[in-house]
């Protein structure tokens, strides 16, 4: 049996703003991106970054073209996806279509690896929003680890043409690191954290990757 981990980071925006403002020679000179590259080289991870279209003082469209080459060369392991227009929960966002398009245009221009699997900010979406996402090529939504949703035995359910996949491991909420809490043994494990608490969880994340690798898991985007 092939066992897979999907690893992603939500609320990505400040690192992209800092990259744009500071303009390092390489994007991997920044701790955030450099750490992800180190984990890719050490553990073979793939990572998906779920991005805000805008912060109060930054638009994702501001990312300069000079990082396009590095992003294109990294697109086999570093993928990007839409998270929300801004920090307002996606389900309450009336401007979600404009935010989605802003992200897609930036991703296209920079040649990044794009994903058709999203985790939306605060998880949920209306039927209208799901119809929009489906019409724009999204295939899967990553949903909460909550049995109120009609998950089947494979931890998925379908609605509005979209697969809904249970998220299993919320890293910063782990009180302990055990095989049971990491869902070791499942064929596919969905793992995530947030950009805002990335630095304080570096050691924990590295330990998780080591455990998954030792248990025969590979990391993939989808």
N, C-alpha and C. Protein backbone atom coordinates (compact mmCIF):
# COMPACT_ATOMS: atom_id res chain seq x y z
N UNK A 1 0.84 -1.20 0.00
CA UNK A 1 0.00 0.00 0.00
C UNK A 1 0.88 1.25 0.00
N UNK A 2 0.63 2.17 -0.93
CA UNK A 2 1.30 3.45 -0.95
C UNK A 2 0.64 4.38 0.06
N UNK A 3 1.42 4.94 0.96
CA UNK A 3 0.90 5.82 1.99
C UNK A 3 1.38 7.25 1.71
N UNK A 4 0.45 8.19 1.82
CA UNK A 4 0.74 9.56 1.40
C UNK A 4 0.41 10.55 2.51
N UNK A 5 1.18 11.64 2.56
CA UNK A 5 0.89 12.79 3.41
C UNK A 5 0.74 14.01 2.51
N UNK A 6 -0.36 14.74 2.71
CA UNK A 6 -0.54 16.05 2.09
C UNK A 6 -0.27 17.09 3.16
N UNK A 7 0.77 17.90 2.97
CA UNK A 7 1.15 18.92 3.94
C UNK A 7 0.91 20.30 3.35
N UNK A 8 0.27 21.17 4.14
CA UNK A 8 0.01 22.51 3.66
C UNK A 8 0.11 23.53 4.79
N UNK A 9 0.22 24.78 4.39
CA UNK A 9 0.30 25.90 5.33
C UNK A 9 -0.77 26.92 4.93
N UNK A 10 -1.61 27.28 5.89
CA UNK A 10 -2.69 28.23 5.66
C UNK A 10 -2.26 29.66 6.02
N UNK A 11 -3.09 30.62 5.61
CA UNK A 11 -2.94 32.04 5.97
C UNK A 11 -1.63 32.64 5.45
N UNK A 12 -1.15 32.17 4.32
CA UNK A 12 0.12 32.66 3.79
C UNK A 12 -0.09 34.04 3.16
N UNK A 13 0.70 34.98 3.60
CA UNK A 13 0.59 36.35 3.09
C UNK A 13 1.76 37.20 3.55
N UNK A 14 2.06 37.14 4.85
CA UNK A 14 3.12 37.99 5.39
C UNK A 14 4.49 37.63 4.82
N UNK A 15 4.73 36.33 4.59
CA UNK A 15 6.02 35.93 4.02
C UNK A 15 6.16 36.44 2.59
N UNK A 16 5.06 36.46 1.85
CA UNK A 16 5.08 36.98 0.48
C UNK A 16 5.27 38.50 0.48
N UNK A 17 4.64 39.16 1.44
CA UNK A 17 4.85 40.60 1.58
C UNK A 17 6.30 40.91 1.93
N UNK A 18 6.89 40.14 2.85
CA UNK A 18 8.27 40.38 3.25
C UNK A 18 9.21 40.11 2.08
N UNK A 19 8.93 39.06 1.32
CA UNK A 19 9.73 38.77 0.13
C UNK A 19 9.70 39.96 -0.83
N UNK A 20 8.51 40.50 -1.06
CA UNK A 20 8.34 41.61 -1.99
C UNK A 20 9.02 42.87 -1.50
N UNK A 21 8.93 43.14 -0.19
CA UNK A 21 9.51 44.36 0.36
C UNK A 21 11.03 44.27 0.49
N UNK A 22 11.54 43.11 0.89
CA UNK A 22 12.98 43.01 1.21
C UNK A 22 13.82 42.64 -0.01
N UNK A 23 13.25 42.01 -1.00
CA UNK A 23 13.91 41.64 -2.26
C UNK A 23 15.27 40.95 -2.05
N UNK A 24 15.32 39.82 -1.34
CA UNK A 24 16.59 39.09 -1.23
C UNK A 24 17.02 38.56 -2.59
N UNK A 25 18.29 38.23 -2.71
CA UNK A 25 18.79 37.69 -3.97
C UNK A 25 18.04 36.42 -4.34
N UNK A 26 17.81 35.56 -3.34
CA UNK A 26 17.05 34.34 -3.53
C UNK A 26 15.89 34.33 -2.53
N UNK A 27 14.73 33.86 -2.97
CA UNK A 27 13.61 33.74 -2.04
C UNK A 27 13.94 32.76 -0.91
N UNK A 28 14.84 31.83 -1.17
CA UNK A 28 15.19 30.84 -0.17
C UNK A 28 16.19 31.36 0.85
N UNK A 29 16.60 32.62 0.69
CA UNK A 29 17.38 33.28 1.75
C UNK A 29 16.49 33.63 2.94
N UNK A 30 15.20 33.69 2.73
CA UNK A 30 14.26 33.96 3.82
C UNK A 30 14.02 32.68 4.61
N UNK A 31 13.89 32.81 5.93
CA UNK A 31 13.78 31.64 6.79
C UNK A 31 12.58 30.76 6.41
N UNK A 32 11.45 31.38 6.12
CA UNK A 32 10.25 30.61 5.80
C UNK A 32 10.47 29.71 4.58
N UNK A 33 10.87 30.29 3.48
CA UNK A 33 11.05 29.52 2.26
C UNK A 33 12.29 28.63 2.33
N UNK A 34 13.34 29.13 2.98
CA UNK A 34 14.55 28.32 3.12
C UNK A 34 14.31 27.07 3.95
N UNK A 35 13.50 27.19 4.99
CA UNK A 35 13.17 26.03 5.82
C UNK A 35 12.38 25.01 5.03
N UNK A 36 11.42 25.46 4.24
CA UNK A 36 10.65 24.53 3.41
C UNK A 36 11.55 23.79 2.43
N UNK A 37 12.49 24.50 1.83
CA UNK A 37 13.42 23.86 0.90
C UNK A 37 14.29 22.83 1.62
N UNK A 38 14.75 23.17 2.83
CA UNK A 38 15.55 22.23 3.63
C UNK A 38 14.75 20.97 3.92
N UNK A 39 13.49 21.11 4.30
CA UNK A 39 12.65 19.94 4.57
C UNK A 39 12.42 19.11 3.30
N UNK A 40 12.29 19.80 2.18
CA UNK A 40 12.13 19.06 0.92
C UNK A 40 13.38 18.22 0.63
N UNK A 41 14.54 18.82 0.83
CA UNK A 41 15.79 18.11 0.55
C UNK A 41 16.06 17.01 1.57
N UNK A 42 15.60 17.19 2.81
CA UNK A 42 15.87 16.23 3.89
C UNK A 42 14.84 15.10 3.93
N UNK A 43 13.56 15.46 3.81
CA UNK A 43 12.49 14.48 3.98
C UNK A 43 11.72 14.18 2.70
N UNK A 44 12.00 14.93 1.65
CA UNK A 44 11.27 14.74 0.41
C UNK A 44 9.87 15.32 0.43
N UNK A 45 9.64 16.34 1.27
CA UNK A 45 8.28 16.87 1.39
C UNK A 45 7.86 17.64 0.14
N UNK A 46 6.58 17.60 -0.14
CA UNK A 46 5.90 18.58 -0.97
C UNK A 46 5.07 19.44 -0.03
N UNK A 47 4.89 20.70 -0.38
CA UNK A 47 4.10 21.59 0.47
C UNK A 47 3.23 22.48 -0.40
N UNK A 48 2.02 22.71 0.06
CA UNK A 48 1.10 23.62 -0.60
C UNK A 48 0.88 24.82 0.31
N UNK A 49 1.03 26.02 -0.25
CA UNK A 49 0.82 27.25 0.49
C UNK A 49 -0.53 27.85 0.08
N UNK A 50 -1.43 27.98 1.05
CA UNK A 50 -2.75 28.55 0.80
C UNK A 50 -2.71 30.04 1.15
N UNK A 51 -2.93 30.88 0.14
CA UNK A 51 -2.57 32.29 0.21
C UNK A 51 -3.79 33.22 0.27
N UNK A 52 -3.61 34.32 1.02
CA UNK A 52 -4.53 35.44 0.94
C UNK A 52 -4.25 36.22 -0.34
N UNK A 53 -5.28 36.73 -0.96
CA UNK A 53 -5.10 37.61 -2.12
C UNK A 53 -4.57 38.97 -1.69
N UNK A 54 -4.93 39.39 -0.48
CA UNK A 54 -4.51 40.71 -0.02
C UNK A 54 -4.41 40.77 1.50
N UNK A 55 -3.47 41.58 1.95
CA UNK A 55 -3.41 42.02 3.34
C UNK A 55 -3.79 43.50 3.34
N UNK A 56 -3.77 44.13 4.49
CA UNK A 56 -4.16 45.54 4.55
C UNK A 56 -3.28 46.41 3.66
N UNK A 57 -1.99 46.05 3.54
CA UNK A 57 -1.05 46.89 2.80
C UNK A 57 -0.30 46.11 1.72
N UNK A 58 -0.91 45.03 1.21
CA UNK A 58 -0.19 44.20 0.24
C UNK A 58 -1.17 43.43 -0.62
N UNK A 59 -0.88 43.38 -1.91
CA UNK A 59 -1.62 42.55 -2.85
C UNK A 59 -0.69 41.46 -3.38
N UNK A 60 -1.21 40.27 -3.57
CA UNK A 60 -0.37 39.18 -4.06
C UNK A 60 0.17 39.48 -5.45
N UNK A 61 -0.49 40.36 -6.17
CA UNK A 61 -0.03 40.76 -7.50
C UNK A 61 1.26 41.57 -7.45
N UNK A 62 1.67 42.03 -6.26
CA UNK A 62 2.90 42.81 -6.12
C UNK A 62 4.16 41.96 -6.14
N UNK A 63 4.05 40.64 -5.99
CA UNK A 63 5.26 39.80 -5.98
C UNK A 63 6.02 40.01 -7.29
N UNK A 64 7.30 40.37 -7.22
CA UNK A 64 8.03 40.73 -8.44
C UNK A 64 8.38 39.52 -9.31
N UNK A 65 8.50 39.79 -10.60
CA UNK A 65 8.82 38.73 -11.57
C UNK A 65 10.18 38.09 -11.32
N UNK A 66 11.07 38.77 -10.60
CA UNK A 66 12.43 38.27 -10.45
C UNK A 66 12.49 36.94 -9.71
N UNK A 67 11.40 36.55 -9.02
CA UNK A 67 11.40 35.26 -8.32
C UNK A 67 10.70 34.16 -9.14
N UNK A 68 10.30 34.52 -10.35
CA UNK A 68 9.60 33.55 -11.18
C UNK A 68 10.44 32.33 -11.51
N UNK A 69 11.74 32.53 -11.80
CA UNK A 69 12.59 31.39 -12.16
C UNK A 69 12.69 30.39 -11.01
N UNK A 70 12.89 30.89 -9.79
CA UNK A 70 12.99 29.99 -8.64
C UNK A 70 11.67 29.28 -8.39
N UNK A 71 10.58 29.99 -8.54
CA UNK A 71 9.27 29.38 -8.32
C UNK A 71 8.98 28.31 -9.36
N UNK A 72 9.34 28.57 -10.62
CA UNK A 72 9.12 27.58 -11.67
C UNK A 72 9.98 26.34 -11.42
N UNK A 73 11.23 26.53 -11.02
CA UNK A 73 12.12 25.40 -10.76
C UNK A 73 11.68 24.58 -9.56
N UNK A 74 10.90 25.19 -8.68
CA UNK A 74 10.46 24.52 -7.45
C UNK A 74 9.04 23.97 -7.56
N UNK A 75 8.43 24.09 -8.73
CA UNK A 75 6.99 23.78 -8.80
C UNK A 75 6.65 22.31 -8.74
N UNK A 76 7.68 21.44 -8.69
CA UNK A 76 7.40 20.01 -8.48
C UNK A 76 7.16 19.69 -7.02
N UNK A 77 7.57 20.59 -6.12
CA UNK A 77 7.39 20.31 -4.69
C UNK A 77 6.75 21.47 -3.92
N UNK A 78 6.73 22.66 -4.52
CA UNK A 78 6.16 23.83 -3.86
C UNK A 78 4.97 24.32 -4.67
N UNK A 79 3.77 24.17 -4.12
CA UNK A 79 2.54 24.53 -4.82
C UNK A 79 1.82 25.64 -4.07
N UNK A 80 0.99 26.36 -4.82
CA UNK A 80 0.24 27.48 -4.27
C UNK A 80 -1.24 27.32 -4.56
N UNK A 81 -2.06 27.78 -3.63
CA UNK A 81 -3.49 27.75 -3.82
C UNK A 81 -4.14 28.94 -3.14
N UNK A 82 -5.33 29.27 -3.58
CA UNK A 82 -6.14 30.34 -3.00
C UNK A 82 -6.67 29.92 -1.63
N UNK A 83 -6.67 30.86 -0.70
CA UNK A 83 -7.20 30.61 0.66
C UNK A 83 -8.42 31.48 0.93
N UNK A 84 -8.30 32.77 0.67
CA UNK A 84 -9.41 33.70 0.78
C UNK A 84 -8.95 35.04 0.23
N UNK A 85 -9.89 35.93 -0.01
CA UNK A 85 -9.51 37.27 -0.46
C UNK A 85 -8.70 37.98 0.61
N UNK A 86 -9.15 37.89 1.87
CA UNK A 86 -8.47 38.54 2.99
C UNK A 86 -8.74 37.71 4.24
N UNK A 87 -8.54 38.29 5.40
CA UNK A 87 -8.66 37.51 6.63
C UNK A 87 -10.10 37.25 7.06
N UNK A 88 -11.06 37.79 6.35
CA UNK A 88 -12.47 37.49 6.62
C UNK A 88 -12.73 36.03 6.24
N UNK A 89 -13.47 35.27 7.07
CA UNK A 89 -13.78 33.89 6.69
C UNK A 89 -14.35 33.82 5.27
N UNK A 90 -13.89 32.84 4.51
CA UNK A 90 -14.28 32.75 3.11
C UNK A 90 -15.79 32.72 2.94
N UNK A 91 -16.47 31.98 3.80
CA UNK A 91 -17.91 31.82 3.66
C UNK A 91 -18.66 33.15 3.80
N UNK A 92 -18.04 34.15 4.45
CA UNK A 92 -18.65 35.47 4.62
C UNK A 92 -18.15 36.49 3.60
N UNK A 93 -17.25 36.08 2.73
CA UNK A 93 -16.59 36.99 1.80
C UNK A 93 -17.42 37.17 0.54
N UNK A 94 -17.89 38.39 0.30
CA UNK A 94 -18.67 38.66 -0.91
C UNK A 94 -17.78 38.89 -2.13
N UNK A 95 -16.52 39.28 -1.90
CA UNK A 95 -15.61 39.53 -3.01
C UNK A 95 -14.71 38.36 -3.33
N UNK A 96 -15.18 37.15 -3.04
CA UNK A 96 -14.31 35.98 -3.20
C UNK A 96 -13.87 35.76 -4.64
N UNK A 97 -14.74 36.07 -5.61
CA UNK A 97 -14.39 35.83 -7.02
C UNK A 97 -13.22 36.71 -7.43
N UNK A 98 -13.24 37.98 -7.02
CA UNK A 98 -12.13 38.89 -7.34
C UNK A 98 -10.85 38.44 -6.65
N UNK A 99 -10.95 37.97 -5.41
CA UNK A 99 -9.77 37.48 -4.71
C UNK A 99 -9.19 36.26 -5.37
N UNK A 100 -10.06 35.34 -5.76
CA UNK A 100 -9.61 34.13 -6.45
C UNK A 100 -8.88 34.49 -7.74
N UNK A 101 -9.44 35.39 -8.50
CA UNK A 101 -8.84 35.77 -9.78
C UNK A 101 -7.50 36.48 -9.57
N UNK A 102 -7.40 37.30 -8.53
CA UNK A 102 -6.14 37.99 -8.23
C UNK A 102 -5.04 36.98 -7.95
N UNK A 103 -5.36 35.95 -7.17
CA UNK A 103 -4.38 34.90 -6.90
C UNK A 103 -4.02 34.14 -8.16
N UNK A 104 -5.02 33.74 -8.93
CA UNK A 104 -4.76 32.94 -10.13
C UNK A 104 -3.89 33.70 -11.12
N UNK A 105 -4.12 34.99 -11.28
CA UNK A 105 -3.31 35.78 -12.19
C UNK A 105 -1.86 35.85 -11.72
N UNK A 106 -1.67 36.03 -10.42
CA UNK A 106 -0.30 36.06 -9.88
C UNK A 106 0.39 34.71 -10.06
N UNK A 107 -0.34 33.64 -9.80
CA UNK A 107 0.24 32.30 -9.94
C UNK A 107 0.63 32.04 -11.40
N UNK A 108 -0.22 32.44 -12.33
CA UNK A 108 0.07 32.24 -13.75
C UNK A 108 1.30 33.04 -14.18
N UNK A 109 1.34 34.29 -13.76
CA UNK A 109 2.46 35.16 -14.15
C UNK A 109 3.79 34.63 -13.64
N UNK A 110 3.80 34.11 -12.44
CA UNK A 110 5.04 33.66 -11.81
C UNK A 110 5.38 32.21 -12.18
N UNK A 111 4.45 31.50 -12.79
CA UNK A 111 4.72 30.12 -13.19
C UNK A 111 4.81 29.15 -12.04
N UNK A 112 4.08 29.43 -10.96
CA UNK A 112 4.17 28.56 -9.78
C UNK A 112 3.40 27.27 -10.02
N UNK A 113 3.69 26.27 -9.19
CA UNK A 113 2.88 25.08 -9.18
C UNK A 113 1.53 25.41 -8.56
N UNK A 114 0.45 25.14 -9.28
CA UNK A 114 -0.89 25.44 -8.79
C UNK A 114 -1.60 24.15 -8.40
N UNK A 115 -2.45 24.25 -7.43
CA UNK A 115 -3.19 23.10 -6.96
C UNK A 115 -4.68 23.26 -7.25
N UNK A 116 -5.36 22.14 -7.46
CA UNK A 116 -6.82 22.17 -7.56
C UNK A 116 -7.48 21.63 -6.30
N UNK A 117 -6.68 21.54 -5.22
CA UNK A 117 -7.16 21.16 -3.89
C UNK A 117 -6.98 22.36 -2.97
N UNK A 118 -8.06 22.85 -2.37
CA UNK A 118 -7.98 24.05 -1.53
C UNK A 118 -8.45 23.76 -0.11
N UNK A 119 -7.86 24.48 0.84
CA UNK A 119 -8.47 24.65 2.15
C UNK A 119 -8.80 26.13 2.27
N UNK A 120 -10.05 26.44 2.38
CA UNK A 120 -10.51 27.82 2.45
C UNK A 120 -10.38 28.35 3.87
N UNK A 121 -10.25 29.67 3.97
CA UNK A 121 -10.09 30.28 5.29
C UNK A 121 -11.35 30.05 6.13
N UNK A 122 -11.15 29.47 7.30
CA UNK A 122 -12.24 29.06 8.21
C UNK A 122 -13.08 27.95 7.61
N UNK A 123 -12.50 27.21 6.67
CA UNK A 123 -12.99 25.93 6.17
C UNK A 123 -14.16 25.99 5.20
N UNK A 124 -15.24 26.68 5.55
CA UNK A 124 -16.53 26.43 4.92
C UNK A 124 -16.78 27.31 3.71
N UNK A 125 -17.76 26.89 2.88
CA UNK A 125 -18.17 27.65 1.71
C UNK A 125 -19.66 27.42 1.48
N UNK A 126 -20.31 28.40 0.89
CA UNK A 126 -21.72 28.25 0.53
C UNK A 126 -21.83 27.43 -0.76
N UNK A 127 -23.03 27.01 -1.07
CA UNK A 127 -23.27 26.29 -2.32
C UNK A 127 -22.86 27.16 -3.52
N UNK A 128 -23.21 28.43 -3.48
CA UNK A 128 -22.84 29.34 -4.57
C UNK A 128 -21.32 29.43 -4.72
N UNK A 129 -20.61 29.54 -3.60
CA UNK A 129 -19.15 29.61 -3.65
C UNK A 129 -18.55 28.31 -4.19
N UNK A 130 -19.11 27.18 -3.77
CA UNK A 130 -18.62 25.90 -4.26
C UNK A 130 -18.85 25.77 -5.76
N UNK A 131 -19.99 26.23 -6.23
CA UNK A 131 -20.27 26.20 -7.66
C UNK A 131 -19.23 27.03 -8.42
N UNK A 132 -18.89 28.18 -7.88
CA UNK A 132 -17.87 29.04 -8.50
C UNK A 132 -16.52 28.33 -8.55
N UNK A 133 -16.12 27.74 -7.44
CA UNK A 133 -14.83 27.06 -7.39
C UNK A 133 -14.79 25.88 -8.36
N UNK A 134 -15.86 25.11 -8.40
CA UNK A 134 -15.93 23.97 -9.32
C UNK A 134 -15.83 24.45 -10.77
N UNK A 135 -16.52 25.53 -11.09
CA UNK A 135 -16.48 26.07 -12.46
C UNK A 135 -15.10 26.60 -12.82
N UNK A 136 -14.29 26.87 -11.82
CA UNK A 136 -12.94 27.39 -12.07
C UNK A 136 -11.84 26.36 -11.80
N UNK A 137 -12.20 25.10 -11.91
CA UNK A 137 -11.20 24.04 -11.93
C UNK A 137 -10.81 23.42 -10.60
N UNK A 138 -11.46 23.83 -9.52
CA UNK A 138 -11.15 23.23 -8.22
C UNK A 138 -11.85 21.88 -8.13
N UNK A 139 -11.13 20.90 -7.61
CA UNK A 139 -11.64 19.53 -7.53
C UNK A 139 -11.96 19.09 -6.10
N UNK A 140 -11.17 19.59 -5.13
CA UNK A 140 -11.26 19.08 -3.76
C UNK A 140 -11.19 20.22 -2.76
N UNK A 141 -12.01 20.16 -1.72
CA UNK A 141 -11.89 21.05 -0.57
C UNK A 141 -11.44 20.23 0.63
N UNK A 142 -10.46 20.73 1.36
CA UNK A 142 -10.02 20.12 2.60
C UNK A 142 -10.90 20.66 3.72
N UNK A 143 -11.57 19.77 4.43
CA UNK A 143 -12.61 20.15 5.38
C UNK A 143 -12.21 19.75 6.80
N UNK A 144 -12.96 20.21 7.81
CA UNK A 144 -12.56 19.97 9.21
C UNK A 144 -12.68 18.51 9.63
N UNK A 145 -11.95 18.18 10.67
CA UNK A 145 -12.03 16.86 11.30
C UNK A 145 -13.22 16.89 12.27
N UNK A 146 -14.41 16.80 11.69
CA UNK A 146 -15.64 16.98 12.45
C UNK A 146 -16.67 16.01 11.91
N UNK A 147 -17.15 15.13 12.76
CA UNK A 147 -18.07 14.08 12.32
C UNK A 147 -19.47 14.61 12.00
N UNK A 148 -19.71 15.91 12.18
CA UNK A 148 -20.97 16.48 11.72
C UNK A 148 -21.07 16.51 10.20
N UNK A 149 -19.92 16.39 9.53
CA UNK A 149 -19.91 16.31 8.08
C UNK A 149 -20.07 14.85 7.66
N UNK A 150 -20.72 14.59 6.53
CA UNK A 150 -21.08 13.21 6.16
C UNK A 150 -19.95 12.42 5.51
N UNK A 151 -18.82 12.32 6.22
CA UNK A 151 -17.68 11.59 5.68
C UNK A 151 -18.01 10.11 5.54
N UNK A 152 -17.51 9.53 4.45
CA UNK A 152 -17.61 8.09 4.24
C UNK A 152 -16.40 7.41 4.87
N UNK A 153 -16.27 6.12 4.66
CA UNK A 153 -15.18 5.37 5.29
C UNK A 153 -13.80 5.81 4.81
N UNK A 154 -13.74 6.44 3.64
CA UNK A 154 -12.46 6.94 3.13
C UNK A 154 -12.21 8.39 3.51
N UNK A 155 -12.99 8.92 4.46
CA UNK A 155 -12.84 10.29 4.96
C UNK A 155 -13.15 11.34 3.89
N UNK A 156 -14.02 11.04 2.95
CA UNK A 156 -14.43 12.01 1.96
C UNK A 156 -15.95 12.00 1.81
N UNK A 157 -16.49 13.08 1.27
CA UNK A 157 -17.86 13.11 0.78
C UNK A 157 -17.90 14.07 -0.40
N UNK A 158 -18.94 13.99 -1.20
CA UNK A 158 -19.06 14.83 -2.40
C UNK A 158 -20.24 15.78 -2.27
N UNK A 159 -20.03 16.99 -2.79
CA UNK A 159 -21.09 18.00 -2.80
C UNK A 159 -20.75 19.05 -3.85
N UNK A 160 -21.72 19.46 -4.62
CA UNK A 160 -21.54 20.50 -5.64
C UNK A 160 -20.42 20.15 -6.61
N UNK A 161 -20.25 18.86 -6.88
CA UNK A 161 -19.22 18.42 -7.80
C UNK A 161 -17.83 18.35 -7.21
N UNK A 162 -17.69 18.74 -5.94
CA UNK A 162 -16.38 18.78 -5.28
C UNK A 162 -16.24 17.63 -4.29
N UNK A 163 -15.06 17.02 -4.26
CA UNK A 163 -14.73 16.11 -3.18
C UNK A 163 -14.39 16.93 -1.94
N UNK A 164 -14.84 16.47 -0.80
CA UNK A 164 -14.53 17.10 0.48
C UNK A 164 -13.72 16.09 1.29
N UNK A 165 -12.49 16.44 1.63
CA UNK A 165 -11.55 15.54 2.28
C UNK A 165 -11.32 15.97 3.72
N UNK A 166 -11.45 15.04 4.65
CA UNK A 166 -11.20 15.33 6.06
C UNK A 166 -9.73 15.70 6.27
N UNK A 167 -9.51 16.76 7.04
CA UNK A 167 -8.16 17.12 7.50
C UNK A 167 -7.90 16.39 8.81
N UNK A 168 -6.78 15.68 8.91
CA UNK A 168 -6.54 14.81 10.06
C UNK A 168 -5.69 15.43 11.16
N UNK A 169 -4.64 16.17 10.78
CA UNK A 169 -3.65 16.63 11.76
C UNK A 169 -3.49 18.15 11.67
N UNK A 170 -3.86 18.83 12.74
CA UNK A 170 -3.69 20.28 12.88
C UNK A 170 -2.49 20.46 13.81
N UNK A 171 -1.34 20.80 13.26
CA UNK A 171 -0.07 20.66 13.96
C UNK A 171 -0.02 21.43 15.27
N UNK A 172 -0.41 22.71 15.26
CA UNK A 172 -0.25 23.50 16.48
C UNK A 172 -1.21 23.08 17.58
N UNK A 173 -2.20 22.26 17.26
CA UNK A 173 -3.12 21.76 18.28
C UNK A 173 -2.71 20.40 18.85
N UNK A 174 -1.62 19.84 18.37
CA UNK A 174 -1.15 18.56 18.89
C UNK A 174 -0.56 18.75 20.28
N UNK A 175 -1.13 18.10 21.27
CA UNK A 175 -0.57 18.15 22.62
C UNK A 175 0.55 17.14 22.79
N UNK A 176 0.55 16.13 21.95
CA UNK A 176 1.59 15.10 21.99
C UNK A 176 1.79 14.59 20.57
N UNK A 177 2.92 13.94 20.36
CA UNK A 177 3.20 13.36 19.04
C UNK A 177 3.22 11.85 19.19
N UNK A 178 2.13 11.22 18.80
CA UNK A 178 2.01 9.77 18.86
C UNK A 178 1.57 9.25 17.51
N UNK A 179 1.82 7.96 17.27
CA UNK A 179 1.38 7.38 16.01
C UNK A 179 -0.13 7.51 15.83
N UNK A 180 -0.87 7.39 16.93
CA UNK A 180 -2.33 7.49 16.83
C UNK A 180 -2.75 8.89 16.42
N UNK A 181 -2.17 9.92 17.05
CA UNK A 181 -2.55 11.29 16.72
C UNK A 181 -2.07 11.70 15.32
N UNK A 182 -1.00 11.08 14.86
CA UNK A 182 -0.50 11.37 13.50
C UNK A 182 -1.20 10.52 12.46
N UNK A 183 -2.13 9.66 12.92
CA UNK A 183 -2.90 8.79 12.00
C UNK A 183 -2.01 7.85 11.21
N UNK A 184 -0.92 7.41 11.84
CA UNK A 184 -0.04 6.43 11.19
C UNK A 184 -0.84 5.16 10.90
N UNK A 185 -0.77 4.70 9.69
CA UNK A 185 -1.53 3.54 9.26
C UNK A 185 -2.59 3.89 8.22
N UNK A 186 -3.09 5.13 8.25
CA UNK A 186 -4.01 5.57 7.22
C UNK A 186 -3.29 5.65 5.88
N UNK A 187 -4.01 5.38 4.82
CA UNK A 187 -3.40 5.44 3.49
C UNK A 187 -3.06 6.87 3.09
N UNK A 188 -3.91 7.82 3.49
CA UNK A 188 -3.70 9.22 3.16
C UNK A 188 -3.97 10.06 4.39
N UNK A 189 -3.00 10.90 4.77
CA UNK A 189 -3.12 11.75 5.95
C UNK A 189 -2.98 13.21 5.52
N UNK A 190 -3.93 14.03 5.93
CA UNK A 190 -3.93 15.45 5.60
C UNK A 190 -3.43 16.23 6.82
N UNK A 191 -2.33 16.97 6.65
CA UNK A 191 -1.63 17.63 7.75
C UNK A 191 -1.48 19.11 7.41
N UNK A 192 -1.71 19.98 8.41
CA UNK A 192 -1.50 21.40 8.10
C UNK A 192 -1.13 22.20 9.34
N UNK A 193 -0.63 23.41 9.06
CA UNK A 193 -0.35 24.40 10.08
C UNK A 193 -0.65 25.77 9.48
N UNK A 194 -0.27 26.83 10.19
CA UNK A 194 -0.51 28.19 9.71
C UNK A 194 0.81 28.97 9.65
N UNK A 195 0.86 29.93 8.75
CA UNK A 195 2.07 30.75 8.63
C UNK A 195 2.35 31.51 9.92
N UNK A 196 1.30 31.99 10.59
CA UNK A 196 1.50 32.87 11.75
C UNK A 196 2.14 32.14 12.94
N UNK A 197 2.08 30.81 12.97
CA UNK A 197 2.72 30.08 14.07
C UNK A 197 3.81 29.14 13.56
N UNK A 198 4.29 29.39 12.37
CA UNK A 198 5.29 28.52 11.73
C UNK A 198 6.57 28.42 12.57
N UNK A 199 7.14 29.57 12.93
CA UNK A 199 8.44 29.56 13.61
C UNK A 199 8.40 28.81 14.94
N UNK A 200 7.33 28.97 15.68
CA UNK A 200 7.29 28.34 17.01
C UNK A 200 7.06 26.84 16.94
N UNK A 201 6.72 26.32 15.77
CA UNK A 201 6.46 24.90 15.62
C UNK A 201 7.48 24.18 14.74
N UNK A 202 8.62 24.81 14.48
CA UNK A 202 9.61 24.23 13.57
C UNK A 202 10.07 22.85 14.03
N UNK A 203 10.42 22.72 15.29
CA UNK A 203 10.91 21.43 15.79
C UNK A 203 9.82 20.37 15.71
N UNK A 204 8.61 20.74 16.07
CA UNK A 204 7.50 19.79 16.03
C UNK A 204 7.24 19.31 14.60
N UNK A 205 7.26 20.25 13.66
CA UNK A 205 7.00 19.88 12.26
C UNK A 205 8.09 18.95 11.75
N UNK A 206 9.33 19.27 12.06
CA UNK A 206 10.43 18.40 11.65
C UNK A 206 10.31 17.00 12.22
N UNK A 207 9.88 16.89 13.46
CA UNK A 207 9.68 15.57 14.07
C UNK A 207 8.58 14.80 13.37
N UNK A 208 7.50 15.49 13.01
CA UNK A 208 6.43 14.83 12.28
C UNK A 208 6.92 14.27 10.95
N UNK A 209 7.67 15.07 10.22
CA UNK A 209 8.17 14.61 8.92
C UNK A 209 9.06 13.38 9.08
N UNK A 210 9.90 13.39 10.11
CA UNK A 210 10.77 12.25 10.34
C UNK A 210 9.98 10.99 10.64
N UNK A 211 8.93 11.12 11.45
CA UNK A 211 8.09 9.97 11.80
C UNK A 211 7.36 9.43 10.58
N UNK A 212 6.78 10.33 9.79
CA UNK A 212 6.08 9.87 8.59
C UNK A 212 7.04 9.17 7.63
N UNK A 213 8.21 9.74 7.44
CA UNK A 213 9.19 9.13 6.53
C UNK A 213 9.61 7.75 7.04
N UNK A 214 9.86 7.64 8.35
CA UNK A 214 10.26 6.36 8.93
C UNK A 214 9.17 5.30 8.81
N UNK A 215 7.92 5.73 8.69
CA UNK A 215 6.79 4.80 8.56
C UNK A 215 6.37 4.58 7.12
N UNK A 216 7.23 4.98 6.20
CA UNK A 216 7.00 4.64 4.79
C UNK A 216 6.08 5.57 4.03
N UNK A 217 5.82 6.75 4.58
CA UNK A 217 4.96 7.71 3.86
C UNK A 217 5.77 8.52 2.87
N UNK A 218 5.11 8.89 1.77
CA UNK A 218 5.66 9.85 0.85
C UNK A 218 4.76 11.08 0.86
N UNK A 219 5.31 12.20 0.45
CA UNK A 219 4.58 13.46 0.47
C UNK A 219 4.18 13.82 -0.96
N UNK A 220 2.91 14.15 -1.12
CA UNK A 220 2.45 14.55 -2.45
C UNK A 220 1.57 15.79 -2.35
N UNK A 221 1.31 16.39 -3.50
CA UNK A 221 0.56 17.64 -3.53
C UNK A 221 -0.93 17.41 -3.38
N UNK A 222 -1.44 16.35 -4.01
CA UNK A 222 -2.88 16.19 -4.08
C UNK A 222 -3.45 15.32 -3.00
